[in-house]
């Protein structure tokens, strides 16, 4: 039985290879996400920096939890904790 999946939000840019990897990892897990591109929107970039205190993309949120960037997301997956955060059941 799976839990309700929290919203996943990615602050990204168009040509960032780590953004591509983050999107691919989530897509492979069947997780939908909302993406806010910051490369041509200074307001979104400022919002991202204010919320995360980081300037690099991607910056990923699962619900209210700031996960970090792609490396952080991939580390959670390797540790076996990402599915739980995403509400994915291992049944």
PDB file of N, CA and C in Angstrom:
ATOM      1  N   UNK A   1       0.853  -1.176   0.000  1.00  0.00           N
ATOM      2  CA  UNK A   1       0.000   0.000   0.000  1.00  0.00           C
ATOM      3  C   UNK A   1       0.901   1.242   0.000  1.00  0.00           C
ATOM      4  N   UNK A   2       0.712   2.122  -0.934  1.00  0.00           N
ATOM      5  CA  UNK A   2       1.571   3.298  -1.019  1.00  0.00           C
ATOM      6  C   UNK A   2       0.906   4.497  -0.365  1.00  0.00           C
ATOM      7  N   UNK A   3       1.724   5.359   0.210  1.00  0.00           N
ATOM      8  CA  UNK A   3       1.240   6.595   0.802  1.00  0.00           C
ATOM      9  C   UNK A   3       1.015   7.600  -0.312  1.00  0.00           C
ATOM     10  N   UNK A   4       0.353   8.692   0.052  1.00  0.00           N
ATOM     11  CA  UNK A   4       0.206   9.779  -0.905  1.00  0.00           C
ATOM     12  C   UNK A   4       1.578  10.379  -1.159  1.00  0.00           C
ATOM     13  N   UNK A   5       1.884  10.640  -2.408  1.00  0.00           N
ATOM     14  CA  UNK A   5       3.186  11.193  -2.748  1.00  0.00           C
ATOM     15  C   UNK A   5       3.205  12.686  -2.496  1.00  0.00           C
ATOM     16  N   UNK A   6       4.228  13.169  -1.805  1.00  0.00           N
ATOM     17  CA  UNK A   6       4.350  14.612  -1.589  1.00  0.00           C
ATOM     18  C   UNK A   6       4.727  15.308  -2.888  1.00  0.00           C
ATOM     19  N   UNK A   7       4.476  16.607  -2.930  1.00  0.00           N
ATOM     20  CA  UNK A   7       4.887  17.362  -4.108  1.00  0.00           C
ATOM     21  C   UNK A   7       6.411  17.406  -4.171  1.00  0.00           C
ATOM     22  N   UNK A   8       6.927  17.218  -5.359  1.00  0.00           N
ATOM     23  CA  UNK A   8       8.364  17.351  -5.601  1.00  0.00           C
ATOM     24  C   UNK A   8       8.555  18.593  -6.458  1.00  0.00           C
ATOM     25  N   UNK A   9       9.428  19.458  -6.011  1.00  0.00           N
ATOM     26  CA  UNK A   9       9.706  20.718  -6.694  1.00  0.00           C
ATOM     27  C   UNK A   9      11.189  20.784  -7.023  1.00  0.00           C
ATOM     28  N   UNK A  10      11.496  21.117  -8.266  1.00  0.00           N
ATOM     29  CA  UNK A  10      12.891  21.242  -8.702  1.00  0.00           C
ATOM     30  C   UNK A  10      13.103  22.640  -9.264  1.00  0.00           C
ATOM     31  N   UNK A  11      14.031  23.365  -8.663  1.00  0.00           N
ATOM     32  CA  UNK A  11      14.519  24.603  -9.273  1.00  0.00           C
ATOM     33  C   UNK A  11      15.632  24.158 -10.205  1.00  0.00           C
ATOM     34  N   UNK A  12      15.552  24.564 -11.474  1.00  0.00           N
ATOM     35  CA  UNK A  12      16.510  24.058 -12.460  1.00  0.00           C
ATOM     36  C   UNK A  12      16.829  25.121 -13.496  1.00  0.00           C
ATOM     37  N   UNK A  13      17.711  24.729 -14.410  1.00  0.00           N
ATOM     38  CA  UNK A  13      17.983  25.559 -15.577  1.00  0.00           C
ATOM     39  C   UNK A  13      17.940  24.659 -16.811  1.00  0.00           C
ATOM     40  N   UNK A  14      17.855  25.271 -17.953  1.00  0.00           N
ATOM     41  CA  UNK A  14      17.635  24.530 -19.194  1.00  0.00           C
ATOM     42  C   UNK A  14      18.777  23.596 -19.582  1.00  0.00           C
ATOM     43  N   UNK A  15      20.005  24.010 -19.357  1.00  0.00           N
ATOM     44  CA  UNK A  15      21.142  23.257 -19.899  1.00  0.00           C
ATOM     45  C   UNK A  15      22.020  22.631 -18.827  1.00  0.00           C
ATOM     46  N   UNK A  16      21.485  22.403 -17.661  1.00  0.00           N
ATOM     47  CA  UNK A  16      22.240  21.843 -16.541  1.00  0.00           C
ATOM     48  C   UNK A  16      22.213  20.314 -16.587  1.00  0.00           C
ATOM     49  N   UNK A  17      23.375  19.649 -16.725  1.00  0.00           N
ATOM     50  CA  UNK A  17      23.373  18.186 -16.788  1.00  0.00           C
ATOM     51  C   UNK A  17      22.893  17.531 -15.489  1.00  0.00           C
ATOM     52  N   UNK A  18      23.128  18.170 -14.358  1.00  0.00           N
ATOM     53  CA  UNK A  18      22.655  17.607 -13.097  1.00  0.00           C
ATOM     54  C   UNK A  18      21.135  17.711 -12.986  1.00  0.00           C
ATOM     55  N   UNK A  19      20.555  18.736 -13.585  1.00  0.00           N
ATOM     56  CA  UNK A  19      19.099  18.858 -13.633  1.00  0.00           C
ATOM     57  C   UNK A  19      18.511  17.729 -14.467  1.00  0.00           C
ATOM     58  N   UNK A  20      19.152  17.429 -15.585  1.00  0.00           N
ATOM     59  CA  UNK A  20      18.714  16.322 -16.444  1.00  0.00           C
ATOM     60  C   UNK A  20      18.752  15.018 -15.666  1.00  0.00           C
ATOM     61  N   UNK A  21      19.815  14.795 -14.910  1.00  0.00           N
ATOM     62  CA  UNK A  21      19.942  13.558 -14.132  1.00  0.00           C
ATOM     63  C   UNK A  21      18.877  13.469 -13.051  1.00  0.00           C
ATOM     64  N   UNK A  22      18.606  14.589 -12.380  1.00  0.00           N
ATOM     65  CA  UNK A  22      17.576  14.595 -11.332  1.00  0.00           C
ATOM     66  C   UNK A  22      16.207  14.280 -11.936  1.00  0.00           C
ATOM     67  N   UNK A  23      15.883  14.906 -13.053  1.00  0.00           N
ATOM     68  CA  UNK A  23      14.603  14.638 -13.722  1.00  0.00           C
ATOM     69  C   UNK A  23      14.504  13.170 -14.128  1.00  0.00           C
ATOM     70  N   UNK A  24      15.588  12.641 -14.651  1.00  0.00           N
ATOM     71  CA  UNK A  24      15.594  11.244 -15.102  1.00  0.00           C
ATOM     72  C   UNK A  24      15.392  10.291 -13.923  1.00  0.00           C
ATOM     73  N   UNK A  25      16.078  10.534 -12.813  1.00  0.00           N
ATOM     74  CA  UNK A  25      15.948   9.670 -11.644  1.00  0.00           C
ATOM     75  C   UNK A  25      14.503   9.651 -11.142  1.00  0.00           C
ATOM     76  N   UNK A  26      13.891  10.833 -11.065  1.00  0.00           N
ATOM     77  CA  UNK A  26      12.507  10.910 -10.610  1.00  0.00           C
ATOM     78  C   UNK A  26      11.549  10.262 -11.609  1.00  0.00           C
ATOM     79  N   UNK A  27      11.793  10.488 -12.892  1.00  0.00           N
ATOM     80  CA  UNK A  27      10.946   9.896 -13.928  1.00  0.00           C
ATOM     81  C   UNK A  27      11.037   8.367 -13.886  1.00  0.00           C
ATOM     82  N   UNK A  28      12.271   7.842 -13.704  1.00  0.00           N
ATOM     83  CA  UNK A  28      12.455   6.392 -13.622  1.00  0.00           C
ATOM     84  C   UNK A  28      11.699   5.793 -12.441  1.00  0.00           C
ATOM     85  N   UNK A  29      11.481   6.580 -11.401  1.00  0.00           N
ATOM     86  CA  UNK A  29      10.727   6.125 -10.234  1.00  0.00           C
ATOM     87  C   UNK A  29       9.227   6.364 -10.399  1.00  0.00           C
ATOM     88  N   UNK A  30       8.836   6.973 -11.516  1.00  0.00           N
ATOM     89  CA  UNK A  30       7.431   7.234 -11.763  1.00  0.00           C
ATOM     90  C   UNK A  30       6.874   8.392 -10.949  1.00  0.00           C
ATOM     91  N   UNK A  31       7.757   9.296 -10.541  1.00  0.00           N
ATOM     92  CA  UNK A  31       7.368  10.419  -9.697  1.00  0.00           C
ATOM     93  C   UNK A  31       7.175  11.665 -10.554  1.00  0.00           C
ATOM     94  N   UNK A  32       6.050  12.324 -10.376  1.00  0.00           N
ATOM     95  CA  UNK A  32       5.844  13.588 -11.069  1.00  0.00           C
ATOM     96  C   UNK A  32       6.451  14.704 -10.229  1.00  0.00           C
ATOM     97  N   UNK A  33       6.797  15.782 -10.878  1.00  0.00           N
ATOM     98  CA  UNK A  33       7.432  16.904 -10.195  1.00  0.00           C
ATOM     99  C   UNK A  33       7.037  18.196 -10.878  1.00  0.00           C
ATOM    100  N   UNK A  34       7.194  19.260 -10.124  1.00  0.00           N
ATOM    101  CA  UNK A  34       6.974  20.596 -10.679  1.00  0.00           C
ATOM    102  C   UNK A  34       8.344  21.224 -10.823  1.00  0.00           C
ATOM    103  N   UNK A  35       8.591  21.828 -11.967  1.00  0.00           N
ATOM    104  CA  UNK A  35       9.910  22.383 -12.264  1.00  0.00           C
ATOM    105  C   UNK A  35       9.807  23.885 -12.456  1.00  0.00           C
ATOM    106  N   UNK A  36      10.677  24.607 -11.761  1.00  0.00           N
ATOM    107  CA  UNK A  36      10.761  26.056 -11.906  1.00  0.00           C
ATOM    108  C   UNK A  36      12.140  26.386 -12.467  1.00  0.00           C
ATOM    109  N   UNK A  37      12.154  26.891 -13.689  1.00  0.00           N
ATOM    110  CA  UNK A  37      13.432  27.217 -14.343  1.00  0.00           C
ATOM    111  C   UNK A  37      13.886  28.609 -13.906  1.00  0.00           C
ATOM    112  N   UNK A  38      15.132  28.670 -13.482  1.00  0.00           N
ATOM    113  CA  UNK A  38      15.659  29.928 -12.940  1.00  0.00           C
ATOM    114  C   UNK A  38      16.589  30.652 -13.904  1.00  0.00           C
ATOM    115  N   UNK A  39      16.946  30.025 -15.024  1.00  0.00           N
ATOM    116  CA  UNK A  39      17.952  30.628 -15.902  1.00  0.00           C
ATOM    117  C   UNK A  39      17.507  31.925 -16.553  1.00  0.00           C
ATOM    118  N   UNK A  40      16.216  32.082 -16.796  1.00  0.00           N
ATOM    119  CA  UNK A  40      15.746  33.322 -17.426  1.00  0.00           C
ATOM    120  C   UNK A  40      14.739  34.061 -16.554  1.00  0.00           C
ATOM    121  N   UNK A  41      14.698  33.695 -15.273  1.00  0.00           N
ATOM    122  CA  UNK A  41      13.738  34.309 -14.356  1.00  0.00           C
ATOM    123  C   UNK A  41      14.440  34.702 -13.061  1.00  0.00           C
ATOM    124  N   UNK A  42      14.946  35.936 -12.987  1.00  0.00           N
ATOM    125  CA  UNK A  42      15.690  36.371 -11.798  1.00  0.00           C
ATOM    126  C   UNK A  42      14.874  36.278 -10.507  1.00  0.00           C
ATOM    127  N   UNK A  43      13.569  36.443 -10.612  1.00  0.00           N
ATOM    128  CA  UNK A  43      12.727  36.344  -9.422  1.00  0.00           C
ATOM    129  C   UNK A  43      12.745  34.930  -8.861  1.00  0.00           C
ATOM    130  N   UNK A  44      12.656  33.932  -9.746  1.00  0.00           N
ATOM    131  CA  UNK A  44      12.712  32.524  -9.313  1.00  0.00           C
ATOM    132  C   UNK A  44      14.088  32.199  -8.728  1.00  0.00           C
ATOM    133  N   UNK A  45      15.154  32.717  -9.352  1.00  0.00           N
ATOM    134  CA  UNK A  45      16.503  32.463  -8.837  1.00  0.00           C
ATOM    135  C   UNK A  45      16.648  33.042  -7.434  1.00  0.00           C
ATOM    136  N   UNK A  46      16.165  34.260  -7.226  1.00  0.00           N
ATOM    137  CA  UNK A  46      16.224  34.889  -5.898  1.00  0.00           C
ATOM    138  C   UNK A  46      15.420  34.075  -4.889  1.00  0.00           C
ATOM    139  N   UNK A  47      14.265  33.603  -5.299  1.00  0.00           N
ATOM    140  CA  UNK A  47      13.432  32.767  -4.430  1.00  0.00           C
ATOM    141  C   UNK A  47      14.182  31.502  -4.028  1.00  0.00           C
ATOM    142  N   UNK A  48      14.809  30.845  -5.011  1.00  0.00           N
ATOM    143  CA  UNK A  48      15.573  29.629  -4.751  1.00  0.00           C
ATOM    144  C   UNK A  48      16.703  29.904  -3.765  1.00  0.00           C
ATOM    145  N   UNK A  49      17.450  30.972  -4.003  1.00  0.00           N
ATOM    146  CA  UNK A  49      18.578  31.297  -3.131  1.00  0.00           C
ATOM    147  C   UNK A  49      18.111  31.632  -1.713  1.00  0.00           C
ATOM    148  N   UNK A  50      16.995  32.310  -1.611  1.00  0.00           N
ATOM    149  CA  UNK A  50      16.457  32.656  -0.286  1.00  0.00           C
ATOM    150  C   UNK A  50      16.025  31.394   0.467  1.00  0.00           C
ATOM    151  N   UNK A  51      15.377  30.478  -0.222  1.00  0.00           N
ATOM    152  CA  UNK A  51      14.876  29.261   0.419  1.00  0.00           C
ATOM    153  C   UNK A  51      15.970  28.260   0.748  1.00  0.00           C
ATOM    154  N   UNK A  52      17.001  28.199  -0.077  1.00  0.00           N
ATOM    155  CA  UNK A  52      18.015  27.145   0.068  1.00  0.00           C
ATOM    156  C   UNK A  52      19.367  27.641   0.558  1.00  0.00           C
ATOM    157  N   UNK A  53      19.602  28.944   0.414  1.00  0.00           N
ATOM    158  CA  UNK A  53      20.916  29.533   0.693  1.00  0.00           C
ATOM    159  C   UNK A  53      21.999  28.931  -0.216  1.00  0.00           C
ATOM    160  N   UNK A  54      21.576  28.506  -1.392  1.00  0.00           N
ATOM    161  CA  UNK A  54      22.483  27.951  -2.409  1.00  0.00           C
ATOM    162  C   UNK A  54      22.213  28.635  -3.733  1.00  0.00           C
ATOM    163  N   UNK A  55      23.251  28.670  -4.576  1.00  0.00           N
ATOM    164  CA  UNK A  55      23.136  29.343  -5.871  1.00  0.00           C
ATOM    165  C   UNK A  55      23.113  28.364  -7.044  1.00  0.00           C
ATOM    166  N   UNK A  56      23.427  27.099  -6.788  1.00  0.00           N
ATOM    167  CA  UNK A  56      23.530  26.124  -7.868  1.00  0.00           C
ATOM    168  C   UNK A  56      22.213  25.386  -8.085  1.00  0.00           C
ATOM    169  N   UNK A  57      22.036  24.894  -9.308  1.00  0.00           N
ATOM    170  CA  UNK A  57      20.879  24.072  -9.634  1.00  0.00           C
ATOM    171  C   UNK A  57      21.343  22.664  -9.950  1.00  0.00           C
ATOM    172  N   UNK A  58      20.486  21.689  -9.767  1.00  0.00           N
ATOM    173  CA  UNK A  58      19.127  21.807  -9.272  1.00  0.00           C
ATOM    174  C   UNK A  58      19.100  21.954  -7.752  1.00  0.00           C
ATOM    175  N   UNK A  59      18.005  22.497  -7.278  1.00  0.00           N
ATOM    176  CA  UNK A  59      17.671  22.474  -5.859  1.00  0.00           C
ATOM    177  C   UNK A  59      16.319  21.791  -5.772  1.00  0.00           C
ATOM    178  N   UNK A  60      16.269  20.745  -4.964  1.00  0.00           N
ATOM    179  CA  UNK A  60      15.122  19.847  -4.970  1.00  0.00           C
ATOM    180  C   UNK A  60      14.450  19.836  -3.602  1.00  0.00           C
ATOM    181  N   UNK A  61      13.128  19.937  -3.637  1.00  0.00           N
ATOM    182  CA  UNK A  61      12.311  19.828  -2.435  1.00  0.00           C
ATOM    183  C   UNK A  61      11.384  18.640  -2.586  1.00  0.00           C
ATOM    184  N   UNK A  62      11.250  17.867  -1.527  1.00  0.00           N
ATOM    185  CA  UNK A  62      10.241  16.818  -1.443  1.00  0.00           C
ATOM    186  C   UNK A  62       9.323  17.243  -0.307  1.00  0.00           C
ATOM    187  N   UNK A  63       8.127  17.661  -0.666  1.00  0.00           N
ATOM    188  CA  UNK A  63       7.261  18.292   0.325  1.00  0.00           C
ATOM    189  C   UNK A  63       7.955  19.543   0.842  1.00  0.00           C
ATOM    190  N   UNK A  64       8.034  19.676   2.147  1.00  0.00           N
ATOM    191  CA  UNK A  64       8.703  20.830   2.761  1.00  0.00           C
ATOM    192  C   UNK A  64      10.192  20.600   2.978  1.00  0.00           C
ATOM    193  N   UNK A  65      10.680  19.393   2.691  1.00  0.00           N
ATOM    194  CA  UNK A  65      12.076  19.034   2.937  1.00  0.00           C
ATOM    195  C   UNK A  65      12.966  19.454   1.769  1.00  0.00           C
ATOM    196  N   UNK A  66      13.959  20.297   2.057  1.00  0.00           N
ATOM    197  CA  UNK A  66      14.949  20.651   1.037  1.00  0.00           C
ATOM    198  C   UNK A  66      15.975  19.525   1.004  1.00  0.00           C
ATOM    199  N   UNK A  67      15.968  18.767  -0.082  1.00  0.00           N
ATOM    200  CA  UNK A  67      16.863  17.630  -0.237  1.00  0.00           C
ATOM    201  C   UNK A  67      18.261  18.091  -0.606  1.00  0.00           C
ATOM    202  N   UNK A  68      18.362  19.134  -1.418  1.00  0.00           N
ATOM    203  CA  UNK A  68      19.647  19.605  -1.927  1.00  0.00           C
ATOM    204  C   UNK A  68      19.670  19.469  -3.427  1.00  0.00           C
ATOM    205  N   UNK A  69      20.833  19.115  -3.949  1.00  0.00           N
ATOM    206  CA  UNK A  69      21.007  18.977  -5.386  1.00  0.00           C
ATOM    207  C   UNK A  69      20.913  17.538  -5.847  1.00  0.00           C
ATOM    208  N   UNK A  70      21.337  17.301  -7.086  1.00  0.00           N
ATOM    209  CA  UNK A  70      21.265  15.951  -7.648  1.00  0.00           C
ATOM    210  C   UNK A  70      22.097  14.970  -6.842  1.00  0.00           C
ATOM    211  N   UNK A  71      23.322  15.348  -6.474  1.00  0.00           N
ATOM    212  CA  UNK A  71      24.181  14.425  -5.719  1.00  0.00           C
ATOM    213  C   UNK A  71      23.502  13.990  -4.425  1.00  0.00           C
ATOM    214  N   UNK A  72      22.813  14.919  -3.762  1.00  0.00           N
ATOM    215  CA  UNK A  72      22.103  14.601  -2.526  1.00  0.00           C
ATOM    216  C   UNK A  72      20.939  13.649  -2.805  1.00  0.00           C
ATOM    217  N   UNK A  73      20.202  13.910  -3.883  1.00  0.00           N
ATOM    218  CA  UNK A  73      19.085  13.053  -4.269  1.00  0.00           C
ATOM    219  C   UNK A  73      19.574  11.636  -4.571  1.00  0.00           C
ATOM    220  N   UNK A  74      20.661  11.530  -5.339  1.00  0.00           N
ATOM    221  CA  UNK A  74      21.214  10.224  -5.696  1.00  0.00           C
ATOM    222  C   UNK A  74      21.736   9.497  -4.461  1.00  0.00           C
ATOM    223  N   UNK A  75      22.319  10.228  -3.505  1.00  0.00           N
ATOM    224  CA  UNK A  75      22.810   9.610  -2.266  1.00  0.00           C
ATOM    225  C   UNK A  75      21.645   9.029  -1.469  1.00  0.00           C
ATOM    226  N   UNK A  76      20.536   9.753  -1.401  1.00  0.00           N
ATOM    227  CA  UNK A  76      19.353   9.237  -0.706  1.00  0.00           C
ATOM    228  C   UNK A  76      18.852   7.960  -1.379  1.00  0.00           C
ATOM    229  N   UNK A  77      18.918   7.918  -2.702  1.00  0.00           N
ATOM    230  CA  UNK A  77      18.498   6.727  -3.433  1.00  0.00           C
ATOM    231  C   UNK A  77      19.428   5.563  -3.118  1.00  0.00           C
ATOM    232  N   UNK A  78      20.727   5.798  -3.122  1.00  0.00           N
ATOM    233  CA  UNK A  78      21.690   4.732  -2.805  1.00  0.00           C
ATOM    234  C   UNK A  78      21.511   4.216  -1.379  1.00  0.00           C
ATOM    235  N   UNK A  79      21.163   5.106  -0.456  1.00  0.00           N
ATOM    236  CA  UNK A  79      20.962   4.725   0.952  1.00  0.00           C
ATOM    237  C   UNK A  79      19.651   3.988   1.170  1.00  0.00           C
ATOM    238  N   UNK A  80      18.769   4.034   0.176  1.00  0.00           N
ATOM    239  CA  UNK A  80      17.491   3.364   0.289  1.00  0.00           C
ATOM    240  C   UNK A  80      16.426   4.183   1.002  1.00  0.00           C
ATOM    241  N   UNK A  81      16.651   5.469   1.181  1.00  0.00           N
ATOM    242  CA  UNK A  81      15.682   6.298   1.896  1.00  0.00           C
ATOM    243  C   UNK A  81      14.836   7.171   0.968  1.00  0.00           C
ATOM    244  N   UNK A  82      15.218   7.295  -0.286  1.00  0.00           N
ATOM    245  CA  UNK A  82      14.496   8.179  -1.203  1.00  0.00           C
ATOM    246  C   UNK A  82      13.059   7.712  -1.440  1.00  0.00           C
ATOM    247  N   UNK A  83      12.867   6.423  -1.650  1.00  0.00           N
ATOM    248  CA  UNK A  83      11.515   5.922  -1.930  1.00  0.00           C
ATOM    249  C   UNK A  83      10.557   6.262  -0.796  1.00  0.00           C
ATOM    250  N   UNK A  84      11.004   6.129   0.433  1.00  0.00           N
ATOM    251  CA  UNK A  84      10.165   6.460   1.577  1.00  0.00           C
ATOM    252  C   UNK A  84       9.791   7.929   1.598  1.00  0.00           C
ATOM    253  N   UNK A  85      10.763   8.788   1.299  1.00  0.00           N
ATOM    254  CA  UNK A  85      10.482  10.224   1.253  1.00  0.00           C
ATOM    255  C   UNK A  85       9.486  10.571   0.150  1.00  0.00           C
ATOM    256  N   UNK A  86       9.558   9.817  -0.945  1.00  0.00           N
ATOM    257  CA  UNK A  86       8.679  10.065  -2.083  1.00  0.00           C
ATOM    258  C   UNK A  86       7.315   9.387  -1.932  1.00  0.00           C
ATOM    259  N   UNK A  87       7.149   8.604  -0.871  1.00  0.00           N
ATOM    260  CA  UNK A  87       5.876   7.906  -0.660  1.00  0.00           C
ATOM    261  C   UNK A  87       5.703   6.701  -1.561  1.00  0.00           C
ATOM    262  N   UNK A  88       6.826   6.136  -2.017  1.00  0.00           N
ATOM    263  CA  UNK A  88       6.779   4.974  -2.888  1.00  0.00           C
ATOM    264  C   UNK A  88       6.902   3.729  -2.014  1.00  0.00           C
ATOM    265  N   UNK A  89       5.950   2.823  -2.169  1.00  0.00           N
ATOM    266  CA  UNK A  89       5.954   1.579  -1.407  1.00  0.00           C
ATOM    267  C   UNK A  89       6.834   0.565  -2.107  1.00  0.00           C
ATOM    268  N   UNK A  90       7.507  -0.259  -1.326  1.00  0.00           N
ATOM    269  CA  UNK A  90       8.357  -1.297  -1.908  1.00  0.00           C
ATOM    270  C   UNK A  90       7.645  -2.638  -1.969  1.00  0.00           C
ATOM    271  N   UNK A  91       6.303  -2.620  -1.850  1.00  0.00           N
ATOM    272  CA  UNK A  91       5.513  -3.854  -1.900  1.00  0.00           C
ATOM    273  C   UNK A  91       5.597  -4.513  -3.252  1.00  0.00           C
TER     274      UNK A  91
END
